[in-house]
N, C-alpha and C. Protein backbone atom coordinates (compact mmCIF):
# COMPACT_ATOMS: atom_id res chain seq x y z
N MET A 1 -4.29 -3.20 -0.54
CA MET A 1 -5.51 -2.73 0.09
C MET A 1 -5.96 -1.42 -0.54
N LEU A 2 -7.27 -1.33 -0.75
CA LEU A 2 -7.86 -0.11 -1.27
C LEU A 2 -8.89 0.38 -0.26
N GLU A 3 -9.12 1.68 -0.26
CA GLU A 3 -10.06 2.25 0.68
C GLU A 3 -10.99 3.23 -0.01
N THR A 4 -12.26 3.19 0.38
CA THR A 4 -13.25 4.16 -0.08
C THR A 4 -13.80 4.86 1.16
N GLU A 5 -14.78 5.68 0.96
CA GLU A 5 -15.39 6.39 2.09
C GLU A 5 -15.92 5.43 3.16
N ARG A 6 -16.58 4.34 2.71
CA ARG A 6 -17.23 3.43 3.66
C ARG A 6 -16.63 2.03 3.71
N LEU A 7 -15.68 1.73 2.83
CA LEU A 7 -15.22 0.36 2.66
C LEU A 7 -13.71 0.23 2.65
N ILE A 8 -13.24 -0.95 3.01
CA ILE A 8 -11.86 -1.36 2.80
C ILE A 8 -11.91 -2.60 1.91
N LEU A 9 -11.14 -2.60 0.85
CA LEU A 9 -11.02 -3.75 -0.05
C LEU A 9 -9.63 -4.32 0.20
N ARG A 10 -9.59 -5.56 0.64
CA ARG A 10 -8.31 -6.15 1.04
C ARG A 10 -8.33 -7.65 0.80
N ALA A 11 -7.14 -8.23 0.92
CA ALA A 11 -7.01 -9.68 0.81
C ALA A 11 -7.82 -10.35 1.91
N TRP A 12 -8.34 -11.53 1.58
CA TRP A 12 -9.07 -12.32 2.58
C TRP A 12 -8.11 -12.87 3.61
N LYS A 13 -8.63 -13.10 4.82
CA LYS A 13 -7.88 -13.73 5.91
C LYS A 13 -8.73 -14.88 6.45
N LEU A 14 -8.08 -15.87 7.02
CA LEU A 14 -8.82 -16.99 7.61
C LEU A 14 -9.78 -16.51 8.70
N GLU A 15 -9.44 -15.40 9.36
CA GLU A 15 -10.30 -14.85 10.41
C GLU A 15 -11.63 -14.33 9.86
N ASP A 16 -11.75 -14.21 8.54
CA ASP A 16 -12.99 -13.73 7.91
C ASP A 16 -14.01 -14.85 7.71
N LEU A 17 -13.67 -16.07 8.10
CA LEU A 17 -14.52 -17.22 7.79
C LEU A 17 -15.96 -17.04 8.27
N ASP A 18 -16.18 -16.61 9.49
CA ASP A 18 -17.55 -16.46 9.99
C ASP A 18 -18.35 -15.45 9.16
N ASP A 19 -17.73 -14.33 8.85
CA ASP A 19 -18.41 -13.31 8.04
C ASP A 19 -18.72 -13.85 6.65
N PHE A 20 -17.75 -14.53 6.05
CA PHE A 20 -17.92 -15.10 4.71
C PHE A 20 -19.07 -16.11 4.70
N PHE A 21 -19.05 -17.03 5.64
CA PHE A 21 -20.10 -18.05 5.70
C PHE A 21 -21.47 -17.42 5.92
N GLU A 22 -21.51 -16.37 6.72
CA GLU A 22 -22.79 -15.72 7.02
C GLU A 22 -23.51 -15.26 5.75
N TYR A 23 -22.79 -14.62 4.82
CA TYR A 23 -23.48 -14.19 3.60
C TYR A 23 -23.49 -15.27 2.52
N ALA A 24 -22.49 -16.16 2.52
CA ALA A 24 -22.41 -17.19 1.48
C ALA A 24 -23.49 -18.27 1.63
N LYS A 25 -24.04 -18.42 2.81
CA LYS A 25 -25.09 -19.42 3.02
C LYS A 25 -26.49 -18.89 2.65
N ASP A 26 -26.59 -17.59 2.46
CA ASP A 26 -27.89 -16.98 2.15
C ASP A 26 -28.37 -17.42 0.77
N PRO A 27 -29.57 -18.01 0.67
CA PRO A 27 -30.06 -18.50 -0.62
C PRO A 27 -30.35 -17.40 -1.64
N ASP A 28 -30.35 -16.14 -1.22
CA ASP A 28 -30.57 -15.04 -2.16
C ASP A 28 -29.28 -14.43 -2.69
N VAL A 29 -28.13 -14.86 -2.18
CA VAL A 29 -26.87 -14.22 -2.55
C VAL A 29 -26.15 -14.98 -3.67
N GLY A 30 -25.69 -16.18 -3.41
CA GLY A 30 -24.88 -16.93 -4.37
C GLY A 30 -25.52 -17.18 -5.72
N PRO A 31 -26.78 -17.60 -5.75
CA PRO A 31 -27.39 -17.90 -7.05
C PRO A 31 -27.38 -16.72 -8.03
N ASN A 32 -27.40 -15.47 -7.53
CA ASN A 32 -27.32 -14.32 -8.43
C ASN A 32 -25.99 -14.26 -9.15
N ALA A 33 -24.96 -14.87 -8.56
CA ALA A 33 -23.64 -14.91 -9.18
C ALA A 33 -23.34 -16.28 -9.79
N GLY A 34 -24.29 -17.21 -9.70
CA GLY A 34 -24.12 -18.51 -10.34
C GLY A 34 -23.60 -19.61 -9.45
N TRP A 35 -23.44 -19.36 -8.13
CA TRP A 35 -22.93 -20.41 -7.26
C TRP A 35 -23.96 -20.74 -6.19
N LYS A 36 -23.88 -21.99 -5.73
CA LYS A 36 -24.87 -22.46 -4.76
C LYS A 36 -24.55 -21.93 -3.37
N PRO A 37 -25.60 -21.69 -2.60
CA PRO A 37 -25.37 -21.25 -1.22
C PRO A 37 -24.54 -22.30 -0.48
N HIS A 38 -23.66 -21.84 0.38
CA HIS A 38 -22.81 -22.76 1.14
C HIS A 38 -23.65 -23.46 2.21
N LYS A 39 -23.41 -24.74 2.36
CA LYS A 39 -24.15 -25.55 3.34
C LYS A 39 -23.43 -25.61 4.69
N THR A 40 -22.09 -25.58 4.65
CA THR A 40 -21.32 -25.73 5.88
C THR A 40 -20.19 -24.71 5.91
N LYS A 41 -19.70 -24.49 7.12
CA LYS A 41 -18.55 -23.60 7.29
C LYS A 41 -17.31 -24.22 6.64
N GLU A 42 -17.24 -25.54 6.62
CA GLU A 42 -16.10 -26.22 5.99
C GLU A 42 -16.06 -25.92 4.49
N GLU A 43 -17.22 -25.90 3.86
CA GLU A 43 -17.29 -25.54 2.43
C GLU A 43 -16.79 -24.12 2.23
N SER A 44 -17.24 -23.20 3.07
CA SER A 44 -16.77 -21.82 2.98
C SER A 44 -15.27 -21.73 3.21
N LEU A 45 -14.75 -22.52 4.14
CA LEU A 45 -13.32 -22.50 4.43
C LEU A 45 -12.52 -22.92 3.20
N ARG A 46 -12.94 -23.97 2.50
CA ARG A 46 -12.22 -24.41 1.29
C ARG A 46 -12.18 -23.29 0.25
N ILE A 47 -13.28 -22.62 0.07
CA ILE A 47 -13.35 -21.53 -0.92
C ILE A 47 -12.51 -20.35 -0.46
N LEU A 48 -12.59 -20.03 0.82
CA LEU A 48 -11.81 -18.93 1.38
C LEU A 48 -10.31 -19.21 1.22
N GLU A 49 -9.89 -20.44 1.47
CA GLU A 49 -8.48 -20.79 1.28
C GLU A 49 -8.06 -20.62 -0.18
N ASN A 50 -8.96 -20.92 -1.10
CA ASN A 50 -8.69 -20.72 -2.52
C ASN A 50 -8.55 -19.23 -2.83
N PHE A 51 -9.43 -18.40 -2.26
CA PHE A 51 -9.32 -16.94 -2.43
C PHE A 51 -7.95 -16.45 -1.97
N ILE A 52 -7.53 -16.93 -0.82
CA ILE A 52 -6.26 -16.50 -0.24
C ILE A 52 -5.09 -16.95 -1.12
N GLU A 53 -5.14 -18.18 -1.59
CA GLU A 53 -4.06 -18.72 -2.42
C GLU A 53 -3.95 -18.00 -3.76
N LYS A 54 -5.07 -17.80 -4.43
CA LYS A 54 -5.03 -17.22 -5.78
C LYS A 54 -4.92 -15.70 -5.79
N ASP A 55 -5.36 -15.04 -4.72
CA ASP A 55 -5.27 -13.59 -4.59
C ASP A 55 -5.89 -12.84 -5.77
N GLU A 56 -7.04 -13.31 -6.23
CA GLU A 56 -7.80 -12.60 -7.27
C GLU A 56 -9.10 -12.00 -6.72
N VAL A 57 -9.48 -12.44 -5.55
CA VAL A 57 -10.74 -12.01 -4.94
C VAL A 57 -10.43 -11.34 -3.61
N TRP A 58 -10.93 -10.12 -3.45
CA TRP A 58 -10.72 -9.37 -2.23
C TRP A 58 -11.98 -9.35 -1.37
N ALA A 59 -11.78 -9.23 -0.09
CA ALA A 59 -12.89 -9.02 0.84
C ALA A 59 -13.32 -7.56 0.76
N ILE A 60 -14.62 -7.35 0.85
CA ILE A 60 -15.18 -6.01 0.99
C ILE A 60 -15.54 -5.87 2.46
N VAL A 61 -14.86 -4.96 3.14
CA VAL A 61 -15.02 -4.81 4.59
C VAL A 61 -15.71 -3.48 4.89
N ASN A 62 -16.75 -3.54 5.69
CA ASN A 62 -17.47 -2.36 6.13
C ASN A 62 -16.63 -1.65 7.19
N LYS A 63 -16.25 -0.41 6.93
CA LYS A 63 -15.43 0.34 7.89
C LYS A 63 -16.16 0.52 9.23
N GLU A 64 -17.46 0.67 9.16
CA GLU A 64 -18.24 0.95 10.36
C GLU A 64 -18.14 -0.14 11.42
N ASN A 65 -18.16 -1.41 10.96
CA ASN A 65 -18.15 -2.50 11.94
C ASN A 65 -17.01 -3.51 11.74
N GLY A 66 -16.16 -3.29 10.73
CA GLY A 66 -15.02 -4.18 10.50
C GLY A 66 -15.38 -5.54 9.94
N LYS A 67 -16.61 -5.69 9.50
CA LYS A 67 -17.11 -6.98 9.03
C LYS A 67 -16.89 -7.15 7.52
N ALA A 68 -16.47 -8.36 7.11
CA ALA A 68 -16.40 -8.68 5.68
C ALA A 68 -17.82 -8.93 5.19
N ILE A 69 -18.28 -8.08 4.28
CA ILE A 69 -19.68 -8.11 3.85
C ILE A 69 -19.86 -8.54 2.40
N GLY A 70 -18.76 -8.85 1.73
CA GLY A 70 -18.86 -9.28 0.34
C GLY A 70 -17.48 -9.50 -0.23
N SER A 71 -17.46 -9.70 -1.54
CA SER A 71 -16.19 -9.90 -2.22
C SER A 71 -16.23 -9.28 -3.60
N ILE A 72 -15.06 -8.97 -4.10
CA ILE A 72 -14.94 -8.46 -5.47
C ILE A 72 -13.69 -9.09 -6.07
N GLY A 73 -13.86 -9.67 -7.25
CA GLY A 73 -12.78 -10.39 -7.89
C GLY A 73 -12.34 -9.73 -9.17
N MET A 74 -11.05 -9.87 -9.47
CA MET A 74 -10.45 -9.37 -10.69
C MET A 74 -9.81 -10.57 -11.39
N HIS A 75 -10.46 -11.06 -12.42
CA HIS A 75 -10.07 -12.32 -13.04
C HIS A 75 -9.68 -12.10 -14.50
N GLU A 76 -8.99 -13.11 -15.04
CA GLU A 76 -8.78 -13.12 -16.48
C GLU A 76 -10.14 -13.28 -17.13
N ASP A 77 -10.37 -12.54 -18.20
CA ASP A 77 -11.62 -12.67 -18.93
C ASP A 77 -11.44 -13.79 -19.95
N GLU A 78 -12.11 -14.90 -19.73
CA GLU A 78 -11.99 -16.06 -20.61
C GLU A 78 -12.41 -15.74 -22.05
N LYS A 79 -13.19 -14.71 -22.22
CA LYS A 79 -13.64 -14.34 -23.56
C LYS A 79 -12.65 -13.40 -24.26
N ARG A 80 -11.66 -12.92 -23.52
CA ARG A 80 -10.65 -11.99 -24.06
C ARG A 80 -9.26 -12.42 -23.59
N LYS A 81 -8.88 -13.63 -23.88
CA LYS A 81 -7.63 -14.19 -23.34
C LYS A 81 -6.38 -13.45 -23.79
N ASP A 82 -6.37 -12.89 -24.97
CA ASP A 82 -5.15 -12.25 -25.48
C ASP A 82 -5.14 -10.75 -25.29
N ALA A 83 -6.16 -10.20 -24.68
CA ALA A 83 -6.24 -8.75 -24.49
C ALA A 83 -5.66 -8.37 -23.12
N ASN A 84 -5.30 -7.13 -22.99
CA ASN A 84 -4.87 -6.59 -21.69
C ASN A 84 -6.15 -6.21 -20.94
N ALA A 85 -6.87 -7.25 -20.51
CA ALA A 85 -8.20 -7.06 -19.94
C ALA A 85 -8.37 -7.87 -18.66
N LYS A 86 -9.25 -7.40 -17.83
CA LYS A 86 -9.67 -8.12 -16.64
C LYS A 86 -11.20 -8.14 -16.62
N MET A 87 -11.72 -9.11 -15.92
CA MET A 87 -13.16 -9.21 -15.69
C MET A 87 -13.38 -9.04 -14.20
N ILE A 88 -14.36 -8.23 -13.83
CA ILE A 88 -14.68 -8.14 -12.41
C ILE A 88 -15.98 -8.87 -12.14
N GLY A 89 -16.05 -9.43 -10.95
CA GLY A 89 -17.25 -10.08 -10.46
C GLY A 89 -17.36 -9.76 -8.99
N TYR A 90 -18.56 -9.74 -8.49
CA TYR A 90 -18.74 -9.30 -7.11
C TYR A 90 -19.98 -9.92 -6.49
N VAL A 91 -20.00 -9.90 -5.16
CA VAL A 91 -21.14 -10.37 -4.40
C VAL A 91 -21.17 -9.58 -3.10
N LEU A 92 -22.37 -9.33 -2.61
CA LEU A 92 -22.54 -8.53 -1.40
C LEU A 92 -23.60 -9.16 -0.52
N SER A 93 -23.35 -9.15 0.77
CA SER A 93 -24.33 -9.63 1.74
C SER A 93 -25.67 -8.92 1.52
N LYS A 94 -26.73 -9.68 1.56
CA LYS A 94 -28.07 -9.14 1.35
C LYS A 94 -28.39 -8.01 2.34
N ASP A 95 -27.82 -8.07 3.54
CA ASP A 95 -28.05 -7.03 4.55
C ASP A 95 -27.58 -5.65 4.09
N TYR A 96 -26.73 -5.61 3.06
CA TYR A 96 -26.14 -4.34 2.62
C TYR A 96 -26.59 -3.92 1.22
N TRP A 97 -27.54 -4.65 0.65
CA TRP A 97 -28.04 -4.30 -0.68
C TRP A 97 -28.76 -2.94 -0.61
N GLY A 98 -28.70 -2.23 -1.72
CA GLY A 98 -29.48 -1.01 -1.87
C GLY A 98 -28.88 0.24 -1.24
N HIS A 99 -27.59 0.20 -0.87
CA HIS A 99 -26.96 1.36 -0.24
C HIS A 99 -25.81 1.93 -1.06
N GLY A 100 -25.63 1.44 -2.29
CA GLY A 100 -24.57 1.95 -3.16
C GLY A 100 -23.18 1.45 -2.82
N LEU A 101 -23.09 0.47 -1.93
CA LEU A 101 -21.77 -0.02 -1.51
C LEU A 101 -21.04 -0.76 -2.63
N MET A 102 -21.77 -1.57 -3.39
CA MET A 102 -21.09 -2.31 -4.45
C MET A 102 -20.62 -1.38 -5.55
N THR A 103 -21.40 -0.37 -5.87
CA THR A 103 -20.97 0.62 -6.85
C THR A 103 -19.70 1.32 -6.37
N GLU A 104 -19.66 1.65 -5.09
CA GLU A 104 -18.49 2.28 -4.48
C GLU A 104 -17.26 1.37 -4.60
N ALA A 105 -17.43 0.10 -4.29
CA ALA A 105 -16.33 -0.86 -4.37
C ALA A 105 -15.88 -1.06 -5.82
N ALA A 106 -16.83 -1.25 -6.72
CA ALA A 106 -16.49 -1.50 -8.13
C ALA A 106 -15.77 -0.30 -8.74
N ASN A 107 -16.21 0.90 -8.41
CA ASN A 107 -15.54 2.09 -8.93
C ASN A 107 -14.09 2.17 -8.45
N LYS A 108 -13.85 1.79 -7.21
CA LYS A 108 -12.49 1.81 -6.67
C LYS A 108 -11.62 0.77 -7.37
N VAL A 109 -12.18 -0.38 -7.65
CA VAL A 109 -11.43 -1.42 -8.36
C VAL A 109 -11.14 -0.98 -9.80
N LEU A 110 -12.07 -0.31 -10.45
CA LEU A 110 -11.81 0.21 -11.80
C LEU A 110 -10.65 1.20 -11.76
N GLU A 111 -10.67 2.09 -10.80
CA GLU A 111 -9.56 3.06 -10.66
C GLU A 111 -8.24 2.32 -10.48
N TYR A 112 -8.22 1.31 -9.64
CA TYR A 112 -7.01 0.51 -9.40
C TYR A 112 -6.54 -0.20 -10.68
N LEU A 113 -7.46 -0.82 -11.40
CA LEU A 113 -7.07 -1.56 -12.61
C LEU A 113 -6.58 -0.64 -13.72
N PHE A 114 -7.27 0.48 -13.92
CA PHE A 114 -6.87 1.38 -15.00
C PHE A 114 -5.65 2.22 -14.65
N ASN A 115 -5.58 2.73 -13.45
CA ASN A 115 -4.47 3.61 -13.06
C ASN A 115 -3.29 2.85 -12.46
N GLY A 116 -3.56 1.80 -11.71
CA GLY A 116 -2.49 1.09 -11.02
C GLY A 116 -1.93 -0.09 -11.78
N LYS A 117 -2.75 -0.73 -12.59
CA LYS A 117 -2.32 -1.94 -13.29
C LYS A 117 -2.25 -1.77 -14.81
N ASN A 118 -2.58 -0.59 -15.30
CA ASN A 118 -2.53 -0.30 -16.74
C ASN A 118 -3.33 -1.27 -17.59
N ILE A 119 -4.45 -1.71 -17.08
CA ILE A 119 -5.36 -2.56 -17.84
C ILE A 119 -6.05 -1.69 -18.89
N GLU A 120 -6.29 -2.24 -20.07
CA GLU A 120 -6.90 -1.49 -21.16
C GLU A 120 -8.43 -1.61 -21.19
N LEU A 121 -8.95 -2.73 -20.69
CA LEU A 121 -10.39 -2.96 -20.75
C LEU A 121 -10.80 -3.81 -19.55
N VAL A 122 -11.95 -3.47 -18.97
CA VAL A 122 -12.52 -4.26 -17.89
C VAL A 122 -13.92 -4.68 -18.32
N SER A 123 -14.20 -5.96 -18.16
CA SER A 123 -15.52 -6.48 -18.52
C SER A 123 -16.27 -6.90 -17.27
N CYS A 124 -17.57 -7.03 -17.44
CA CYS A 124 -18.44 -7.47 -16.35
C CYS A 124 -19.67 -8.11 -16.98
N TYR A 125 -20.21 -9.11 -16.33
CA TYR A 125 -21.34 -9.86 -16.87
C TYR A 125 -22.40 -10.04 -15.80
N HIS A 126 -23.64 -10.19 -16.24
CA HIS A 126 -24.70 -10.56 -15.29
C HIS A 126 -25.70 -11.46 -16.00
N TYR A 127 -26.44 -12.21 -15.18
CA TYR A 127 -27.52 -13.05 -15.71
C TYR A 127 -28.77 -12.20 -15.89
N PRO A 128 -29.69 -12.63 -16.76
CA PRO A 128 -30.87 -11.81 -17.06
C PRO A 128 -31.68 -11.41 -15.83
N PHE A 129 -31.71 -12.24 -14.83
CA PHE A 129 -32.54 -11.98 -13.66
C PHE A 129 -31.85 -11.10 -12.61
N ASN A 130 -30.58 -10.81 -12.77
CA ASN A 130 -29.84 -10.08 -11.74
C ASN A 130 -29.84 -8.57 -12.04
N ILE A 131 -30.96 -7.96 -11.78
CA ILE A 131 -31.15 -6.54 -12.08
C ILE A 131 -30.29 -5.65 -11.16
N ARG A 132 -30.06 -6.07 -9.95
CA ARG A 132 -29.20 -5.30 -9.03
C ARG A 132 -27.78 -5.17 -9.61
N SER A 133 -27.26 -6.27 -10.12
CA SER A 133 -25.93 -6.24 -10.71
C SER A 133 -25.92 -5.35 -11.95
N LYS A 134 -26.96 -5.44 -12.74
CA LYS A 134 -27.07 -4.59 -13.93
C LYS A 134 -26.98 -3.12 -13.55
N ARG A 135 -27.64 -2.73 -12.48
CA ARG A 135 -27.61 -1.32 -12.04
C ARG A 135 -26.21 -0.90 -11.62
N VAL A 136 -25.50 -1.77 -10.90
CA VAL A 136 -24.13 -1.46 -10.51
C VAL A 136 -23.27 -1.25 -11.75
N ILE A 137 -23.37 -2.17 -12.69
CA ILE A 137 -22.59 -2.11 -13.92
C ILE A 137 -22.85 -0.79 -14.66
N GLU A 138 -24.09 -0.43 -14.80
CA GLU A 138 -24.43 0.81 -15.51
C GLU A 138 -23.96 2.04 -14.76
N LYS A 139 -24.10 2.05 -13.44
CA LYS A 139 -23.66 3.20 -12.64
C LYS A 139 -22.15 3.39 -12.72
N CYS A 140 -21.41 2.33 -12.97
CA CYS A 140 -19.96 2.41 -13.07
C CYS A 140 -19.49 2.82 -14.47
N GLY A 141 -20.41 3.00 -15.40
CA GLY A 141 -20.05 3.49 -16.72
C GLY A 141 -19.74 2.43 -17.76
N PHE A 142 -19.98 1.16 -17.46
CA PHE A 142 -19.76 0.11 -18.45
C PHE A 142 -20.73 0.29 -19.61
N LYS A 143 -20.29 -0.12 -20.78
CA LYS A 143 -21.11 -0.07 -21.99
C LYS A 143 -21.63 -1.48 -22.29
N PHE A 144 -22.90 -1.56 -22.65
CA PHE A 144 -23.51 -2.83 -22.99
C PHE A 144 -22.97 -3.31 -24.33
N GLU A 145 -22.44 -4.52 -24.38
CA GLU A 145 -21.89 -5.09 -25.60
C GLU A 145 -22.87 -6.01 -26.31
N GLY A 146 -23.66 -6.72 -25.54
CA GLY A 146 -24.59 -7.66 -26.14
C GLY A 146 -24.86 -8.84 -25.22
N ILE A 147 -25.52 -9.82 -25.76
CA ILE A 147 -25.93 -11.00 -24.99
C ILE A 147 -25.31 -12.24 -25.62
N LEU A 148 -24.60 -12.99 -24.80
CA LEU A 148 -24.14 -14.31 -25.23
C LEU A 148 -25.22 -15.29 -24.79
N ARG A 149 -25.94 -15.81 -25.74
CA ARG A 149 -27.08 -16.67 -25.42
C ARG A 149 -26.61 -18.05 -24.97
N HIS A 150 -27.29 -18.55 -23.94
CA HIS A 150 -27.02 -19.88 -23.38
C HIS A 150 -25.52 -20.06 -23.11
N ALA A 151 -24.92 -19.09 -22.43
CA ALA A 151 -23.46 -19.07 -22.27
C ALA A 151 -22.95 -19.64 -20.96
N SER A 152 -23.78 -19.66 -19.93
CA SER A 152 -23.27 -20.07 -18.60
C SER A 152 -24.18 -21.08 -17.93
N LYS A 153 -23.58 -22.19 -17.55
CA LYS A 153 -24.30 -23.19 -16.76
C LYS A 153 -23.95 -22.93 -15.31
N ILE A 154 -24.98 -22.75 -14.48
CA ILE A 154 -24.72 -22.47 -13.07
C ILE A 154 -24.79 -23.75 -12.25
N PHE A 155 -24.63 -23.62 -10.96
CA PHE A 155 -24.48 -24.75 -10.04
C PHE A 155 -25.59 -25.79 -10.12
N ASN A 156 -26.81 -25.36 -10.44
CA ASN A 156 -27.94 -26.29 -10.45
C ASN A 156 -28.22 -26.89 -11.82
N GLY A 157 -27.33 -26.64 -12.78
CA GLY A 157 -27.47 -27.19 -14.12
C GLY A 157 -28.24 -26.30 -15.09
N GLU A 158 -28.87 -25.24 -14.59
CA GLU A 158 -29.59 -24.32 -15.48
C GLU A 158 -28.59 -23.52 -16.31
N VAL A 159 -28.99 -23.21 -17.53
CA VAL A 159 -28.15 -22.45 -18.44
C VAL A 159 -28.78 -21.08 -18.67
N TYR A 160 -27.96 -20.05 -18.56
CA TYR A 160 -28.44 -18.68 -18.72
C TYR A 160 -27.63 -17.93 -19.74
N ASP A 161 -28.25 -16.87 -20.25
CA ASP A 161 -27.55 -15.92 -21.10
C ASP A 161 -26.59 -15.10 -20.24
N ASP A 162 -25.50 -14.65 -20.85
CA ASP A 162 -24.60 -13.68 -20.22
C ASP A 162 -24.85 -12.32 -20.85
N TYR A 163 -25.20 -11.35 -20.04
CA TYR A 163 -25.32 -9.97 -20.50
C TYR A 163 -23.94 -9.35 -20.34
N CYS A 164 -23.35 -8.93 -21.45
CA CYS A 164 -21.94 -8.54 -21.48
C CYS A 164 -21.77 -7.03 -21.54
N TYR A 165 -20.83 -6.54 -20.71
CA TYR A 165 -20.51 -5.11 -20.64
C TYR A 165 -19.00 -4.96 -20.58
N SER A 166 -18.53 -3.79 -20.98
CA SER A 166 -17.11 -3.47 -20.82
C SER A 166 -16.94 -1.97 -20.72
N ILE A 167 -15.78 -1.61 -20.23
CA ILE A 167 -15.37 -0.21 -20.21
C ILE A 167 -13.88 -0.19 -20.52
N THR A 168 -13.47 0.70 -21.41
CA THR A 168 -12.06 0.84 -21.75
C THR A 168 -11.41 1.88 -20.84
N ARG A 169 -10.10 1.86 -20.82
CA ARG A 169 -9.38 2.86 -20.04
C ARG A 169 -9.74 4.27 -20.52
N ASP A 170 -9.79 4.48 -21.85
CA ASP A 170 -10.13 5.80 -22.39
C ASP A 170 -11.52 6.24 -21.96
N GLU A 171 -12.49 5.34 -22.01
CA GLU A 171 -13.85 5.68 -21.57
C GLU A 171 -13.87 6.04 -20.09
N TYR A 172 -13.13 5.28 -19.30
CA TYR A 172 -13.06 5.54 -17.87
C TYR A 172 -12.45 6.91 -17.59
N MET A 173 -11.31 7.20 -18.26
CA MET A 173 -10.63 8.48 -18.04
C MET A 173 -11.51 9.65 -18.48
N GLU A 174 -12.21 9.48 -19.58
CA GLU A 174 -13.12 10.53 -20.07
C GLU A 174 -14.26 10.74 -19.06
N MET A 175 -14.77 9.67 -18.53
CA MET A 175 -15.86 9.76 -17.56
C MET A 175 -15.39 10.46 -16.28
N LYS A 176 -14.17 10.20 -15.85
CA LYS A 176 -13.64 10.80 -14.63
C LYS A 176 -13.27 12.27 -14.80
N ASP A 177 -13.05 12.70 -16.04
CA ASP A 177 -12.73 14.12 -16.31
C ASP A 177 -13.95 15.02 -16.21
N ILE A 178 -15.11 14.42 -16.28
CA ILE A 178 -16.36 15.21 -16.29
C ILE A 178 -16.61 15.82 -14.93
């Protein structure tokens, strides 16, 4: 478990199902990350059970109300299989957009990966239309690497470019010394 001023980042629990389904069914949330909005609570339950089993995706919990309002994942970067690297991905309930919460969560995960797990590089990607995610990535100090054209097919069959970013441990440490 990790804690910030306003958030708790922790493993998912089955008791989080209602909160998870609430934001996962929103048609403005999932498509920004490439997944289709959930149609049923049973669909959310299957995904939640997968989160719990694999332990790569944490719940983002609002300290104020104890509600799970999003998720942040730390995954193997398929584009850097042999590196000491992780890729982060995240999603946040639309009700909480625009308050700096995802930047707060992502910064805490970077601290954990670089200081706690000795990761050398963390990557992050966004689709061309996801400007909110781009802002989070830039605020966290990631460097733009380039665009992988026609790199990701999302749930509806559309193919998008991946805008690629990364930050090294050295860059992170230098940024935190300022």
